[in-house]
């Protein structure tokens, strides 16, 4: 059966460039008119017109990658793009958005999903010649348990290398959706010297090896001649060119000084769509993948948001359509929950339209219960678009008599404050994961036993949500999982620990000579999505002509 994602992509005539339980054997509509140019697509190769080897791909990125270790801080887009060249993953996502094996040959559970066996491909080596074996994979997963993957891997009790090519992962509770995690940063496998910190730079088993990062910040990747996938990669190398401003990245792509650039800044998106002359470049976009969503996190353990009336008052006072049109120039969609509308797991709960009378009614109820008006501070990161949203949102809330103070704060400080629960409200970008199970840490906990530092930044705990996530992990029945995730989305809509505002949009400008952008073949041999969070798979890209 053709997936919803695949059907939508065909209907929209767009390119899959930018980004279920599986047994996982080798055998997590937008507004505005679509671009008028035809999407990039590989021509059907003839014997004379197949993939060609050679050439160096220049990719514009927003910043020089600085975090390389998979178990280190969560990668930004530039770092993820670099990682996709240097590292391989245990599993990736296929065109139906289902985990399939890559470095692994099998990822299979026992009968109750408490022990998973990961079988590895033989004969694969890292760029430094060390083997990609069970000991290396176990070391990576153990490192993740105390690093960036700690929250996701909380159910893991132990990791054990049984022999050279077999790893067993034991769980403290059933976890049928464990393969979803292996498609994320947790599943990237680095050489042991990266894990123990002795390596100077990144060392993986991927299609390209890190050569150097020059003084101008350009990251140079060179072809891995010993890559384990036959005939790949096609390119001789890749250069990641840091260009801070979105407008300058667009200029570089239009002028041909880079071969690929991805932007999500609203004014630049409108500029790209309005271009009269697109000679030499093609617009590429995946309208069906998960994109970051602009949300407002509400600390439900602190006043005023420990009262549902205050959260509902904000929801009724917020005009998402105005934010989308005025701030984002219509570039994006209304966010209606943690999943995009195109996800097969999406449950339709339309956020309330602005209703000032209802907002005032909820605000009055709050005052009657507490003797206080609704007033609070919201942390605002240093991003011009988000700052504009915050300013307009404050005006919207003022119409309902709600007083909000904007507090400009750096990204790192917002993360620290939200993890520690030292805030009332915070504007954030998030909810871009492809599967609901990957959001479970955001809603985990026991109300009376919340730790000081907590991935559940809203401190929202509802037994209904907790039970639904647990039930989904306890079964291999996809229909039952879909019902569980519907319950989660319904409850979040009712309780509103987050206000979902806008799902961002991104576009890529690619040289018209680029091929192989849409998909690639993982180790399983199935077709895989090239897209992931505004980055591309570098493995199968090639230049025509």
Foldseek 3Di string as FASTA:
>chain_A
DDALLRVVCVVLQFFQFAFAFDQAALLAQADDDDFPDHYFADDPADPVFDFAFEDAAEEEDQAFDDDAQLQAAADDPNNVQVLLAFWDFQWAAASNRYTHGFQFRGWHAPPFQFKIKTFGDPDFAKPVRHDPWLVQLQLLLVSNCPGVNVLVCVQWDHWDRPDGGMIMTGGPAFFSRVSLVRNGSSGITFGPCVSVVNDPHTMYRGQWHFDDQDPQSKTKTAGDPVRPPPPKDRYRIYIHHHDNDPVVSVVCLQVVVGFKYKDQQLVVVVVVSPDPDSPQKRKHFSSQAFFWFKKKFFQCVDPPNVDLLLLVLLQQLDALVCLCCVLNVSFFFFDQFLGDPSAPLDDDDHGDHHDLVSSLVSQVVSCVVPVDGAEFEEEFEPDVSRVVVVVVSQVSSVSNVHHYHYDYDHPVVVLVCLQQLNGGMYIDIDSRIRHCLSCVQLADDDLVDADRGGNVSNSHHDVLLVVLSSVLSRDSPVVSNSVSSNSNRVVCSSRVSMGTRTGTTMMMMGGSQKHDSRWDARPSRGTRGQHYHRHGNSIYIRGTD
